[in-house]
N, C-alpha and C. Protein backbone atom coordinates (compact mmCIF):
# COMPACT_ATOMS: atom_id res chain seq x y z
N MET A 1 -21.04 -18.94 3.75
CA MET A 1 -20.38 -18.63 4.56
C MET A 1 -21.37 -18.59 6.00
N ASP A 2 -20.86 -19.09 7.05
CA ASP A 2 -21.64 -19.20 8.16
C ASP A 2 -21.62 -18.09 9.09
N TYR A 3 -22.49 -17.94 10.12
CA TYR A 3 -22.51 -16.74 11.06
C TYR A 3 -21.15 -16.69 11.87
N THR A 4 -20.32 -17.84 12.17
CA THR A 4 -19.04 -17.67 12.94
C THR A 4 -18.11 -17.24 12.25
N ASN A 5 -18.16 -17.50 10.87
CA ASN A 5 -17.00 -16.92 9.89
C ASN A 5 -17.22 -15.58 9.72
N PHE A 6 -18.53 -15.18 9.48
CA PHE A 6 -18.90 -13.86 9.43
C PHE A 6 -18.31 -12.69 10.43
N ASN A 7 -18.74 -13.35 11.60
CA ASN A 7 -18.36 -12.38 12.83
C ASN A 7 -16.70 -12.35 12.99
N SER A 8 -15.89 -13.48 12.55
CA SER A 8 -14.62 -13.52 12.59
C SER A 8 -13.96 -12.48 11.81
N LEU A 9 -14.69 -12.65 10.47
CA LEU A 9 -14.21 -11.54 9.44
C LEU A 9 -14.34 -10.17 9.93
N GLN A 10 -15.57 -9.85 10.39
CA GLN A 10 -16.09 -8.59 10.94
C GLN A 10 -15.12 -8.16 12.17
N ILE A 11 -14.70 -9.00 13.01
CA ILE A 11 -13.78 -8.56 13.94
C ILE A 11 -12.42 -8.35 13.61
N LEU A 12 -11.73 -9.27 12.53
CA LEU A 12 -10.45 -8.97 11.79
C LEU A 12 -10.39 -7.58 11.40
N LEU A 13 -11.71 -7.12 10.42
CA LEU A 13 -11.69 -6.17 9.63
C LEU A 13 -11.50 -4.69 10.58
N LEU A 14 -12.31 -4.75 11.54
CA LEU A 14 -12.55 -3.74 12.59
C LEU A 14 -11.06 -3.41 13.31
N CYS A 15 -10.61 -4.61 13.89
CA CYS A 15 -9.05 -4.29 14.38
C CYS A 15 -8.14 -4.09 13.42
N GLY A 16 -8.33 -4.58 12.25
CA GLY A 16 -7.15 -3.93 11.06
C GLY A 16 -7.36 -2.69 10.72
N SER A 17 -8.79 -2.16 10.54
CA SER A 17 -8.85 -0.75 10.32
C SER A 17 -8.29 0.11 11.30
N ALA A 18 -8.65 -0.52 12.63
CA ALA A 18 -8.10 0.45 13.84
C ALA A 18 -6.58 0.53 13.91
N ILE A 19 -5.83 -0.63 13.81
CA ILE A 19 -4.67 -0.53 13.76
C ILE A 19 -3.99 0.28 12.59
N ALA A 20 -4.51 0.27 11.29
CA ALA A 20 -4.17 0.88 10.15
C ALA A 20 -4.10 2.45 10.38
N LEU A 21 -5.59 2.91 11.11
CA LEU A 21 -5.55 4.32 11.51
C LEU A 21 -4.52 4.78 12.32
N CYS A 22 -4.25 3.96 13.42
CA CYS A 22 -3.12 4.20 14.24
C CYS A 22 -1.90 4.57 13.74
N VAL A 23 -1.45 3.56 12.99
CA VAL A 23 -0.15 3.58 12.24
C VAL A 23 -0.19 4.70 11.16
N TRP A 24 -1.33 5.28 10.65
CA TRP A 24 -1.37 6.36 9.67
C TRP A 24 -1.20 7.66 10.52
N GLN A 25 -1.90 7.71 11.73
CA GLN A 25 -1.72 8.96 12.71
C GLN A 25 -0.21 8.95 13.33
N LEU A 26 0.28 7.89 13.56
CA LEU A 26 1.84 8.04 13.95
C LEU A 26 2.72 8.52 12.97
N ARG A 27 2.58 8.12 11.52
CA ARG A 27 3.29 8.52 10.79
C ARG A 27 3.23 10.13 10.41
N ALA A 28 1.89 10.44 10.32
CA ALA A 28 1.70 11.89 10.29
C ALA A 28 2.17 12.74 11.47
N VAL A 29 2.14 12.34 12.57
CA VAL A 29 2.92 13.06 13.77
C VAL A 29 4.37 13.09 13.53
N GLN A 30 4.95 12.12 13.13
CA GLN A 30 6.29 11.99 12.78
C GLN A 30 6.73 13.12 11.77
N ARG A 31 5.86 12.92 10.68
CA ARG A 31 6.28 13.74 9.37
C ARG A 31 6.12 15.10 9.98
N SER A 32 5.05 15.56 10.86
CA SER A 32 5.07 16.85 11.26
C SER A 32 5.91 17.33 12.27
N ARG A 33 6.68 16.53 13.19
CA ARG A 33 7.60 16.87 13.92
C ARG A 33 8.87 17.11 13.14
N ARG A 34 9.24 16.31 12.18
CA ARG A 34 10.35 16.45 11.24
C ARG A 34 10.24 17.78 10.36
N GLN A 35 9.05 18.35 9.94
CA GLN A 35 8.79 19.44 9.56
C GLN A 35 9.14 20.62 10.37
N GLN A 36 8.82 20.45 11.88
CA GLN A 36 9.05 21.44 12.79
C GLN A 36 10.44 21.72 12.91
N VAL A 37 11.29 20.45 13.08
CA VAL A 37 12.49 20.62 13.24
C VAL A 37 13.33 21.32 12.07
N VAL A 38 12.98 21.19 10.80
CA VAL A 38 13.39 21.90 9.98
C VAL A 38 13.14 23.32 9.78
N VAL A 39 12.02 23.59 10.12
CA VAL A 39 11.84 24.99 10.16
C VAL A 39 12.46 25.74 11.32
N ARG A 40 12.72 24.99 12.35
CA ARG A 40 13.42 25.68 13.47
C ARG A 40 14.72 25.79 13.13
N ALA A 41 15.32 24.79 12.47
CA ALA A 41 16.86 24.64 12.19
C ALA A 41 17.08 25.81 10.85
N ALA A 42 16.14 26.25 10.08
CA ALA A 42 16.12 26.98 9.01
C ALA A 42 16.82 28.35 9.18
N PRO A 43 16.26 29.10 10.15
CA PRO A 43 17.14 30.40 10.74
C PRO A 43 18.22 30.19 11.07
N GLN A 44 18.64 29.18 11.90
CA GLN A 44 20.13 28.91 12.30
C GLN A 44 20.94 28.87 11.01
N LEU A 45 20.40 27.83 10.14
CA LEU A 45 21.21 27.70 9.15
C LEU A 45 21.53 29.02 8.25
N GLN A 46 20.51 29.87 8.11
CA GLN A 46 20.71 31.26 7.38
C GLN A 46 21.59 31.97 7.98
N ARG A 47 21.69 32.00 9.37
CA ARG A 47 22.58 32.90 10.32
C ARG A 47 23.89 32.32 9.95
N ARG A 48 24.13 30.99 10.04
CA ARG A 48 25.52 30.40 9.73
C ARG A 48 26.09 30.84 8.37
N GLY A 49 25.13 30.73 7.48
CA GLY A 49 25.57 31.11 6.14
C GLY A 49 25.84 32.67 5.98
N ARG A 50 25.25 33.42 6.76
CA ARG A 50 25.64 35.00 6.70
C ARG A 50 26.76 35.22 7.06
N THR A 51 26.99 34.49 8.56
CA THR A 51 28.25 34.84 9.26
C THR A 51 29.33 34.20 8.39
N ALA A 52 29.42 33.25 7.70
CA ALA A 52 30.32 32.62 6.95
C ALA A 52 30.80 33.36 5.74
N ALA A 53 29.87 34.09 5.22
CA ALA A 53 29.83 34.83 4.07
C ALA A 53 30.52 36.29 4.54
N ARG A 54 30.44 36.72 5.64
CA ARG A 54 31.18 37.67 6.27
C ARG A 54 32.51 37.60 6.43
N ARG A 55 33.00 36.37 6.90
CA ARG A 55 34.17 36.05 7.19
C ARG A 55 35.16 35.91 5.82
N ARG A 56 34.59 35.60 4.82
CA ARG A 56 35.27 35.53 3.61
C ARG A 56 35.89 36.96 3.25
């Protein structure tokens, strides 16, 4: 492998790993936001369940 090919491979791996890190972080943020929405909705769901039980 000559020097040009080696540099090309290094650049490709560096950019690929940076993009992979960004995608991983975006997925982690999305998962975190989804969990926050579920936690915020949980008390509302419990309240609805209690009022529905009282109506019966």
